[in-house]
Amino acid sequence: MYGLIWRLLPGNWVVKLILALILIAAVVLLLMQYVFPVVAPYMPFNNATVTDNGGQ
């Protein structure tokens, strides 16, 4: 998969590296801004409860 993406990117290895980093940053931004907020209410760890019982 990564080899295919690497071969499809244009330019020499420096240009490919810069484009790959931009592509990774775009995917992370997309996940953080749109995907994770939509999925978060359905995750089971949202119902955690922490109580303070007076240090006992």
N, C-alpha and C. Protein backbone atom coordinates (compact mmCIF):
# COMPACT_ATOMS: atom_id res chain seq x y z
N MET A 1 0.83 -1.19 0.00
CA MET A 1 0.00 0.00 0.00
C MET A 1 0.87 1.25 0.00
N TYR A 2 1.82 1.32 0.96
CA TYR A 2 2.67 2.50 1.03
C TYR A 2 3.60 2.59 -0.16
N GLY A 3 4.04 1.45 -0.64
CA GLY A 3 4.89 1.43 -1.82
C GLY A 3 4.15 1.95 -3.04
N LEU A 4 2.88 1.61 -3.17
CA LEU A 4 2.07 2.09 -4.27
C LEU A 4 1.91 3.60 -4.21
N ILE A 5 1.64 4.12 -3.02
CA ILE A 5 1.50 5.57 -2.87
C ILE A 5 2.83 6.25 -3.18
N TRP A 6 3.93 5.67 -2.71
CA TRP A 6 5.24 6.24 -2.96
C TRP A 6 5.54 6.29 -4.46
N ARG A 7 5.19 5.22 -5.18
CA ARG A 7 5.44 5.18 -6.62
C ARG A 7 4.54 6.15 -7.38
N LEU A 8 3.34 6.43 -6.87
CA LEU A 8 2.43 7.32 -7.57
C LEU A 8 2.77 8.80 -7.38
N LEU A 9 3.49 9.12 -6.32
CA LEU A 9 3.87 10.52 -6.08
C LEU A 9 4.91 10.95 -7.10
N PRO A 10 4.77 12.17 -7.63
CA PRO A 10 5.73 12.64 -8.65
C PRO A 10 7.00 13.18 -8.02
N GLY A 11 8.07 13.22 -8.80
CA GLY A 11 9.31 13.87 -8.38
C GLY A 11 10.34 12.90 -7.83
N ASN A 12 11.45 13.50 -7.38
CA ASN A 12 12.50 12.69 -6.76
C ASN A 12 12.13 12.40 -5.32
N TRP A 13 13.05 11.79 -4.56
CA TRP A 13 12.69 11.33 -3.22
C TRP A 13 12.43 12.49 -2.26
N VAL A 14 13.07 13.64 -2.48
CA VAL A 14 12.83 14.79 -1.61
C VAL A 14 11.42 15.32 -1.80
N VAL A 15 11.03 15.46 -3.06
CA VAL A 15 9.67 15.93 -3.36
C VAL A 15 8.64 14.92 -2.89
N LYS A 16 8.93 13.64 -3.09
CA LYS A 16 8.01 12.59 -2.63
C LYS A 16 7.86 12.62 -1.12
N LEU A 17 8.96 12.86 -0.40
CA LEU A 17 8.91 12.93 1.05
C LEU A 17 8.06 14.10 1.51
N ILE A 18 8.24 15.27 0.90
CA ILE A 18 7.45 16.44 1.26
C ILE A 18 5.97 16.20 0.96
N LEU A 19 5.67 15.65 -0.19
CA LEU A 19 4.28 15.36 -0.54
C LEU A 19 3.67 14.31 0.37
N ALA A 20 4.45 13.31 0.75
CA ALA A 20 3.96 12.28 1.66
C ALA A 20 3.66 12.87 3.03
N LEU A 21 4.50 13.77 3.52
CA LEU A 21 4.25 14.42 4.81
C LEU A 21 3.01 15.29 4.76
N ILE A 22 2.82 16.00 3.65
CA ILE A 22 1.60 16.81 3.47
C ILE A 22 0.38 15.92 3.43
N LEU A 23 0.49 14.78 2.75
CA LEU A 23 -0.63 13.84 2.67
C LEU A 23 -0.96 13.27 4.05
N ILE A 24 0.05 12.93 4.83
CA ILE A 24 -0.19 12.41 6.18
C ILE A 24 -0.84 13.47 7.05
N ALA A 25 -0.36 14.72 6.97
CA ALA A 25 -0.95 15.80 7.75
C ALA A 25 -2.40 16.03 7.36
N ALA A 26 -2.72 15.94 6.07
CA ALA A 26 -4.10 16.12 5.62
C ALA A 26 -5.00 15.01 6.14
N VAL A 27 -4.52 13.78 6.16
CA VAL A 27 -5.32 12.67 6.68
C VAL A 27 -5.56 12.83 8.18
N VAL A 28 -4.53 13.22 8.92
CA VAL A 28 -4.68 13.43 10.37
C VAL A 28 -5.66 14.56 10.64
N LEU A 29 -5.55 15.65 9.89
CA LEU A 29 -6.49 16.77 10.05
C LEU A 29 -7.92 16.33 9.75
N LEU A 30 -8.11 15.59 8.68
CA LEU A 30 -9.44 15.09 8.33
C LEU A 30 -10.02 14.22 9.43
N LEU A 31 -9.20 13.32 9.98
CA LEU A 31 -9.67 12.46 11.06
C LEU A 31 -10.02 13.25 12.31
N MET A 32 -9.15 14.18 12.70
CA MET A 32 -9.37 14.94 13.93
C MET A 32 -10.55 15.90 13.83
N GLN A 33 -10.78 16.47 12.68
CA GLN A 33 -11.81 17.49 12.53
C GLN A 33 -13.19 16.91 12.23
N TYR A 34 -13.25 15.81 11.50
CA TYR A 34 -14.54 15.32 11.02
C TYR A 34 -14.91 13.91 11.48
N VAL A 35 -13.97 12.98 11.43
CA VAL A 35 -14.31 11.59 11.69
C VAL A 35 -14.42 11.32 13.19
N PHE A 36 -13.39 11.66 13.97
CA PHE A 36 -13.40 11.34 15.39
C PHE A 36 -14.54 12.01 16.16
N PRO A 37 -14.89 13.28 15.90
CA PRO A 37 -16.04 13.86 16.62
C PRO A 37 -17.37 13.15 16.33
N VAL A 38 -17.52 12.62 15.16
CA VAL A 38 -18.76 11.91 14.82
C VAL A 38 -18.80 10.55 15.52
N VAL A 39 -17.66 9.88 15.62
CA VAL A 39 -17.59 8.53 16.18
C VAL A 39 -17.54 8.55 17.71
N ALA A 40 -17.06 9.62 18.32
CA ALA A 40 -16.83 9.68 19.76
C ALA A 40 -18.06 9.34 20.61
N PRO A 41 -19.27 9.80 20.30
CA PRO A 41 -20.40 9.45 21.15
C PRO A 41 -20.73 7.95 21.18
N TYR A 42 -20.29 7.21 20.20
CA TYR A 42 -20.59 5.79 20.11
C TYR A 42 -19.52 4.90 20.76
N MET A 43 -18.45 5.51 21.25
CA MET A 43 -17.37 4.73 21.85
C MET A 43 -17.73 4.37 23.29
N PRO A 44 -17.39 3.16 23.74
CA PRO A 44 -17.81 2.70 25.06
C PRO A 44 -17.09 3.39 26.22
N PHE A 45 -15.94 3.99 26.00
CA PHE A 45 -15.19 4.58 27.10
C PHE A 45 -15.64 5.99 27.44
N ASN A 46 -16.73 6.48 26.84
CA ASN A 46 -17.25 7.80 27.16
C ASN A 46 -18.04 7.81 28.46
N ASN A 47 -18.41 6.67 29.00
CA ASN A 47 -19.24 6.60 30.19
C ASN A 47 -18.42 6.33 31.45
N ALA A 48 -17.19 6.78 31.49
CA ALA A 48 -16.33 6.57 32.66
C ALA A 48 -16.75 7.53 33.77
N THR A 49 -16.70 7.03 34.99
CA THR A 49 -17.06 7.83 36.15
C THR A 49 -15.92 7.79 37.15
N VAL A 50 -15.51 8.96 37.59
CA VAL A 50 -14.47 9.07 38.60
C VAL A 50 -15.09 9.76 39.80
N THR A 51 -15.02 9.10 40.95
CA THR A 51 -15.61 9.68 42.16
C THR A 51 -14.52 9.92 43.19
N ASP A 52 -14.78 10.88 44.05
CA ASP A 52 -13.87 11.18 45.14
C ASP A 52 -14.58 10.77 46.43
N ASN A 53 -14.04 9.74 47.07
CA ASN A 53 -14.69 9.26 48.29
C ASN A 53 -13.95 9.74 49.54
N GLY A 54 -13.36 10.91 49.51
CA GLY A 54 -12.71 11.47 50.67
C GLY A 54 -11.34 10.91 50.96
N GLY A 55 -10.69 10.31 49.99
CA GLY A 55 -9.34 9.78 50.16
C GLY A 55 -9.28 8.48 50.92
N GLN A 56 -10.36 7.76 51.03
CA GLN A 56 -10.35 6.49 51.77
C GLN A 56 -10.27 5.32 50.83
